[in-house]
Amino acid sequence: MTSPQPQLVLENVSCHFGGIRAVNGVDLQLDTNDITGLVGPNGAGKTTLFNLITATIRAKSGRILFAGRNITGLTPDAVARLGLVRSFQSPMTLPGVTVREHLRQAALFQAIGRPSFLLRRRRIAAAEAQARRTADAVLDFARLAHVADEPADQLAYGVQKILGVAMAVAAGPRLLLADEPAAGLNGAETAEMERLLRAIHEELSIGVLVIEHDLPMVMRLCSHVIALAQGTVIADGRPHEVRGSRAFIEAYLGSEADAA
C-alpha cells in the first residue's frame, strides 16, 4: 500500500543475527491516515522490525525515513524525540510509583536530556508544569483517573497494559508503535485496549502501528495490514485483501489452512 505523503518509509531494510535473517529486504510505507496492523507467525520478524524502526538495533542495510527525514543511524532517544514512540508487550512499571507519576515522567521525556534546556530553570519549571497538565489529561483520556494515585505495580495486569500505552501517548508521539497491546488480556480488557488505540488515532490524530496476534482485533481495528513471514513482507493492503491472500493463509494459518 502506498500513500501520497507516507509518514514512515522503510527501503530495503535488512537485519541478521549470525546466519539468521530476522528482517530481509523489507519495503513498506505507513501514513497517519491509517491504523496499521503488523501480523505474522512467531519468529516472523515483527518485533525486530519495531526495534529497527525505533533504533534499538541497527539495520545491516537499507534506510528508514520518518516524516521525510532519514533516521537511519540515529540513537533511540533521538528517534523518540522526533515522535516515534513505542509501548512494550510487557508492562514496565516502577515499584511504588503512582500511575500519575509514571505519566508525568513520560510527559517530561521531550524536554529532558537537552543540555541547553537543563541550564535554564524557568524552562525546567515550565516543562514540569506542562508535564503535570499532560499527565492529568492522559489520565482522563485513557480512563485511568480512578487509579491515578495508586502504585502502578500493584494494579491488575490489564490496567498496567493500558498504562503502558498511555505513557507512550504522554511522551508526545507522532507515530505510536504498540507491541502486542492485547497480549494476555481477557475479552473486556481487549475491547478497552481496542477503544483506546482507536481513540488515539481518531481523537488525537496520532498514527498507530500495532503488532498483534489477535487477528479478529486487527481486522476490526486496522485499515491497513502488513503480514510478515521469515522476515519478509508477504502481504500488504486492506484487511480483507491480506486475510484473503494465499501467502498470508499459508504462512500465518499454516496447518489450519492445510487441514481445511
Protein backbone atom coordinates (compact mmCIF):
# COMPACT_ATOMS: atom_id res chain seq x y z
CA MET A 1 0.00 0.00 0.00
CA THR A 2 1.25 3.47 -0.81
CA SER A 3 0.30 6.96 0.29
CA PRO A 4 0.92 10.37 -1.34
CA GLN A 5 2.73 11.51 1.81
CA PRO A 6 3.86 8.46 3.79
CA GLN A 7 4.87 9.18 7.37
CA LEU A 8 7.22 6.22 7.73
CA VAL A 9 9.14 4.62 4.88
CA LEU A 10 11.41 1.56 5.00
CA GLU A 11 13.55 0.91 1.96
CA ASN A 12 15.18 -2.50 1.56
CA VAL A 13 15.78 -2.79 5.31
CA SER A 14 17.57 -5.94 6.48
CA CYS A 15 18.92 -7.23 9.76
CA HIS A 16 20.53 -10.55 10.55
CA PHE A 17 21.87 -12.26 13.63
CA GLY A 18 24.64 -14.62 12.64
CA GLY A 19 23.26 -16.58 9.72
CA ILE A 20 19.62 -15.82 10.55
CA ARG A 21 17.93 -13.06 8.56
CA ALA A 22 15.39 -11.70 11.02
CA VAL A 23 14.33 -8.95 8.61
CA ASN A 24 15.08 -9.41 4.93
CA GLY A 25 14.80 -6.56 2.42
CA VAL A 26 11.63 -5.01 3.84
CA ASP A 27 9.98 -2.18 1.92
CA LEU A 28 6.91 -0.52 3.40
CA GLN A 29 5.10 2.80 3.73
CA LEU A 30 2.82 3.98 6.53
CA ASP A 31 0.56 7.01 6.65
CA THR A 32 -1.07 8.85 9.56
CA ASN A 33 -4.47 8.22 7.97
CA ASP A 34 -4.19 4.54 8.86
CA ILE A 35 -4.08 2.34 11.90
CA THR A 36 -1.70 -0.31 10.60
CA GLY A 37 -1.51 -3.87 11.88
CA LEU A 38 1.72 -5.85 11.65
CA VAL A 39 0.95 -9.56 11.77
CA GLY A 40 2.65 -12.87 11.19
CA PRO A 41 3.59 -16.10 12.94
CA ASN A 42 6.06 -16.24 15.82
CA GLY A 43 9.55 -15.57 14.56
CA ALA A 44 8.33 -13.63 11.52
CA GLY A 45 10.45 -10.60 12.44
CA LYS A 46 7.74 -8.27 13.77
CA THR A 47 9.45 -7.17 16.99
CA THR A 48 12.81 -6.98 15.23
CA LEU A 49 11.21 -4.59 12.75
CA PHE A 50 9.93 -2.46 15.66
CA ASN A 51 13.42 -2.45 17.13
CA LEU A 52 14.88 -1.31 13.82
CA ILE A 53 12.35 1.49 13.44
CA THR A 54 12.98 2.76 16.98
CA ALA A 55 16.78 2.35 16.63
CA THR A 56 17.08 -0.19 19.42
CA ILE A 57 19.07 -2.22 16.91
CA ARG A 58 20.80 -1.09 13.71
CA ALA A 59 19.89 -2.23 10.24
CA LYS A 60 22.58 -4.02 8.27
CA SER A 61 21.34 -2.44 5.05
CA GLY A 62 18.64 -0.13 3.73
CA ARG A 63 17.32 3.07 5.22
CA ILE A 64 14.40 4.31 7.32
CA LEU A 65 12.72 7.68 6.78
CA PHE A 66 10.29 9.39 9.15
CA ALA A 67 8.37 12.50 8.09
CA GLY A 68 10.77 12.82 5.16
CA ARG A 69 13.90 12.63 7.31
CA ASN A 70 16.46 9.84 7.10
CA ILE A 71 16.62 8.50 10.67
CA THR A 72 18.91 5.57 9.88
CA GLY A 73 21.75 5.56 12.41
CA LEU A 74 20.14 7.89 14.94
CA THR A 75 20.05 6.93 18.62
CA PRO A 76 16.84 5.61 20.23
CA ASP A 77 16.45 8.85 22.21
CA ALA A 78 16.81 10.97 19.09
CA VAL A 79 14.27 8.86 17.19
CA ALA A 80 11.79 9.03 20.08
CA ARG A 81 12.14 12.81 20.30
CA LEU A 82 11.18 13.05 16.64
CA GLY A 83 7.88 11.41 17.61
CA LEU A 84 8.43 7.66 17.08
CA VAL A 85 7.34 6.29 20.45
CA ARG A 86 6.65 2.67 21.36
CA SER A 87 4.86 0.74 24.05
CA PHE A 88 6.04 -2.71 25.08
CA GLN A 89 4.44 -6.12 25.27
CA SER A 90 5.23 -6.49 28.98
CA PRO A 91 4.16 -3.72 31.39
CA MET A 92 7.10 -1.62 32.57
CA THR A 93 6.29 -0.09 35.95
CA LEU A 94 8.44 1.23 38.78
CA PRO A 95 7.83 -0.21 42.28
CA GLY A 96 5.77 2.10 44.45
CA VAL A 97 5.44 4.84 41.81
CA THR A 98 1.91 6.06 41.15
CA VAL A 99 0.12 5.97 37.82
CA ARG A 100 0.08 9.76 37.73
CA GLU A 101 3.84 9.94 38.28
CA HIS A 102 4.51 7.38 35.54
CA LEU A 103 2.58 9.60 33.13
CA ARG A 104 4.28 12.77 34.37
CA GLN A 105 7.71 11.28 33.81
CA ALA A 106 6.73 10.11 30.34
CA ALA A 107 5.47 13.60 29.52
CA LEU A 108 8.81 15.11 30.58
CA PHE A 109 10.64 12.99 28.03
CA GLN A 110 10.66 15.53 25.21
CA ALA A 111 12.38 18.15 27.41
CA ILE A 112 14.77 16.07 29.48
CA GLY A 113 18.20 15.45 28.00
CA ARG A 114 18.67 18.71 26.13
CA PRO A 115 21.75 20.42 27.64
CA SER A 116 20.60 23.93 26.72
CA PHE A 117 17.32 23.19 28.41
CA LEU A 118 18.80 21.85 31.61
CA LEU A 119 20.73 25.07 32.14
CA ARG A 120 17.56 27.15 32.31
CA ARG A 121 15.50 26.86 35.46
CA ARG A 122 12.48 28.65 34.04
CA ARG A 123 12.21 26.21 31.18
CA ILE A 124 12.52 23.28 33.56
CA ALA A 125 9.74 24.68 35.74
CA ALA A 126 7.58 25.29 32.67
CA ALA A 127 8.19 21.76 31.40
CA GLU A 128 7.32 20.24 34.76
CA ALA A 129 4.09 22.24 34.91
CA GLN A 130 3.19 21.16 31.37
CA ALA A 131 4.03 17.54 32.22
CA ARG A 132 1.59 17.65 35.14
CA ARG A 133 -1.12 19.01 32.85
CA THR A 134 -0.36 16.37 30.22
CA ALA A 135 -0.46 13.60 32.83
CA ASP A 136 -3.87 14.76 34.05
CA ALA A 137 -5.21 14.96 30.51
CA VAL A 138 -3.94 11.48 29.63
CA LEU A 139 -5.38 10.07 32.87
CA ASP A 140 -8.82 11.16 31.71
CA PHE A 141 -8.27 10.19 28.08
CA ALA A 142 -7.13 6.64 28.96
CA ARG A 143 -9.81 6.26 31.68
CA LEU A 144 -7.20 5.87 34.41
CA ALA A 145 -8.20 8.77 36.67
CA HIS A 146 -9.73 6.39 39.24
CA VAL A 147 -6.30 4.78 39.82
CA ALA A 148 -4.20 7.94 39.40
CA ASP A 149 -2.67 7.84 42.87
CA GLU A 150 -2.27 4.08 43.19
CA PRO A 151 1.14 2.37 42.79
CA ALA A 152 1.24 1.21 39.19
CA ASP A 153 2.98 -2.06 40.01
CA GLN A 154 0.04 -3.05 42.24
CA LEU A 155 -2.58 -2.72 39.51
CA ALA A 156 -4.19 -5.57 37.62
CA TYR A 157 -2.25 -6.72 34.57
CA GLY A 158 -4.81 -5.35 32.11
CA VAL A 159 -4.71 -1.90 33.71
CA GLN A 160 -0.90 -1.94 33.58
CA LYS A 161 -1.12 -2.65 29.85
CA ILE A 162 -3.42 0.33 29.36
CA LEU A 163 -0.97 2.44 31.37
CA GLY A 164 1.90 1.36 29.11
CA VAL A 165 0.07 2.69 26.04
CA ALA A 166 -0.98 5.81 27.96
CA MET A 167 2.65 6.52 28.86
CA ALA A 168 3.56 6.37 25.19
CA VAL A 169 0.80 8.89 24.48
CA ALA A 170 2.08 11.18 27.25
CA ALA A 171 5.52 11.16 25.58
CA GLY A 172 4.06 13.02 22.60
CA PRO A 173 4.20 10.59 19.67
CA ARG A 174 3.55 11.40 16.05
CA LEU A 175 3.53 7.66 15.37
CA LEU A 176 2.78 5.20 18.18
CA LEU A 177 4.20 1.69 17.88
CA ALA A 178 2.28 -0.72 20.10
CA ASP A 179 3.87 -4.15 20.64
CA GLU A 180 1.15 -6.76 21.28
CA PRO A 181 -1.05 -4.47 23.39
CA ALA A 182 -3.77 -7.13 23.76
CA ALA A 183 -1.44 -9.99 24.74
CA GLY A 184 -2.66 -11.65 27.94
CA LEU A 185 -5.89 -9.63 28.11
CA ASN A 186 -9.39 -11.03 28.56
CA GLY A 187 -12.29 -10.09 26.30
CA ALA A 188 -13.34 -6.97 28.20
CA GLU A 189 -9.76 -5.77 28.54
CA THR A 190 -9.12 -6.34 24.84
CA ALA A 191 -12.20 -4.28 23.99
CA GLU A 192 -10.93 -1.42 26.18
CA MET A 193 -7.47 -1.59 24.57
CA GLU A 194 -9.06 -1.52 21.13
CA ARG A 195 -11.14 1.51 22.14
CA LEU A 196 -8.03 3.30 23.41
CA LEU A 197 -5.98 2.66 20.26
CA ARG A 198 -8.83 3.83 18.06
CA ALA A 199 -9.28 6.98 20.18
CA ILE A 200 -5.55 7.73 19.98
CA HIS A 201 -5.80 7.72 16.22
CA GLU A 202 -9.18 9.36 15.72
CA GLU A 203 -9.23 11.91 18.56
CA LEU A 204 -5.53 12.75 18.86
CA SER A 205 -4.65 12.31 15.15
CA ILE A 206 -1.69 10.07 16.01
CA GLY A 207 -0.61 7.36 13.60
CA VAL A 208 -0.66 3.85 15.07
CA LEU A 209 1.37 0.78 14.10
CA VAL A 210 0.42 -2.27 16.13
CA ILE A 211 1.89 -5.77 16.37
CA GLU A 212 -0.87 -8.13 17.38
CA HIS A 213 -1.65 -11.86 17.31
CA ASP A 214 -5.36 -11.28 17.94
CA LEU A 215 -6.41 -11.38 14.28
CA PRO A 216 -10.08 -10.52 14.86
CA MET A 217 -8.96 -7.39 16.73
CA VAL A 218 -6.58 -6.46 13.91
CA MET A 219 -9.27 -6.89 11.29
CA ARG A 220 -11.71 -4.71 13.27
CA LEU A 221 -9.22 -2.02 14.27
CA CYS A 222 -6.85 -1.61 11.34
CA SER A 223 -7.44 -0.08 7.93
CA HIS A 224 -4.02 -1.27 6.71
CA VAL A 225 -2.40 -4.64 7.43
CA ILE A 226 1.14 -5.83 6.72
CA ALA A 227 1.95 -9.52 7.06
CA LEU A 228 5.47 -10.83 7.62
CA ALA A 229 6.90 -14.33 7.36
CA GLN A 230 10.56 -15.22 7.78
CA GLY A 231 11.48 -11.53 7.86
CA THR A 232 9.82 -10.73 4.53
CA VAL A 233 6.62 -8.84 3.67
CA ILE A 234 4.24 -11.39 2.15
CA ALA A 235 1.06 -9.30 2.04
CA ASP A 236 0.30 -5.57 2.31
CA GLY A 237 -3.11 -3.96 1.90
CA ARG A 238 -6.57 -3.59 3.35
CA PRO A 239 -7.56 -6.18 5.96
CA HIS A 240 -9.79 -8.21 3.64
CA GLU A 241 -7.10 -8.24 0.96
CA VAL A 242 -4.44 -9.55 3.33
CA ARG A 243 -6.76 -12.03 5.02
CA GLY A 244 -7.73 -13.49 1.66
CA SER A 245 -4.22 -13.75 0.23
CA ARG A 246 -2.83 -17.25 -0.25
CA ALA A 247 0.59 -16.25 1.11
CA PHE A 248 -0.97 -15.00 4.35
CA ILE A 249 -3.14 -18.09 4.79
CA GLU A 250 -0.23 -20.45 4.24
CA ALA A 251 2.25 -18.57 6.41
CA TYR A 252 0.05 -17.43 9.26
CA LEU A 253 -2.61 -20.13 9.48
CA GLY A 254 -0.41 -22.91 8.12
CA SER A 255 -1.70 -26.23 9.33
CA GLU A 256 -5.25 -24.89 9.75
CA ALA A 257 -5.34 -23.95 6.10
CA ASP A 258 -3.90 -27.31 5.10
CA ALA A 259 -6.46 -29.16 7.19
CA ALA A 260 -9.43 -27.20 5.84
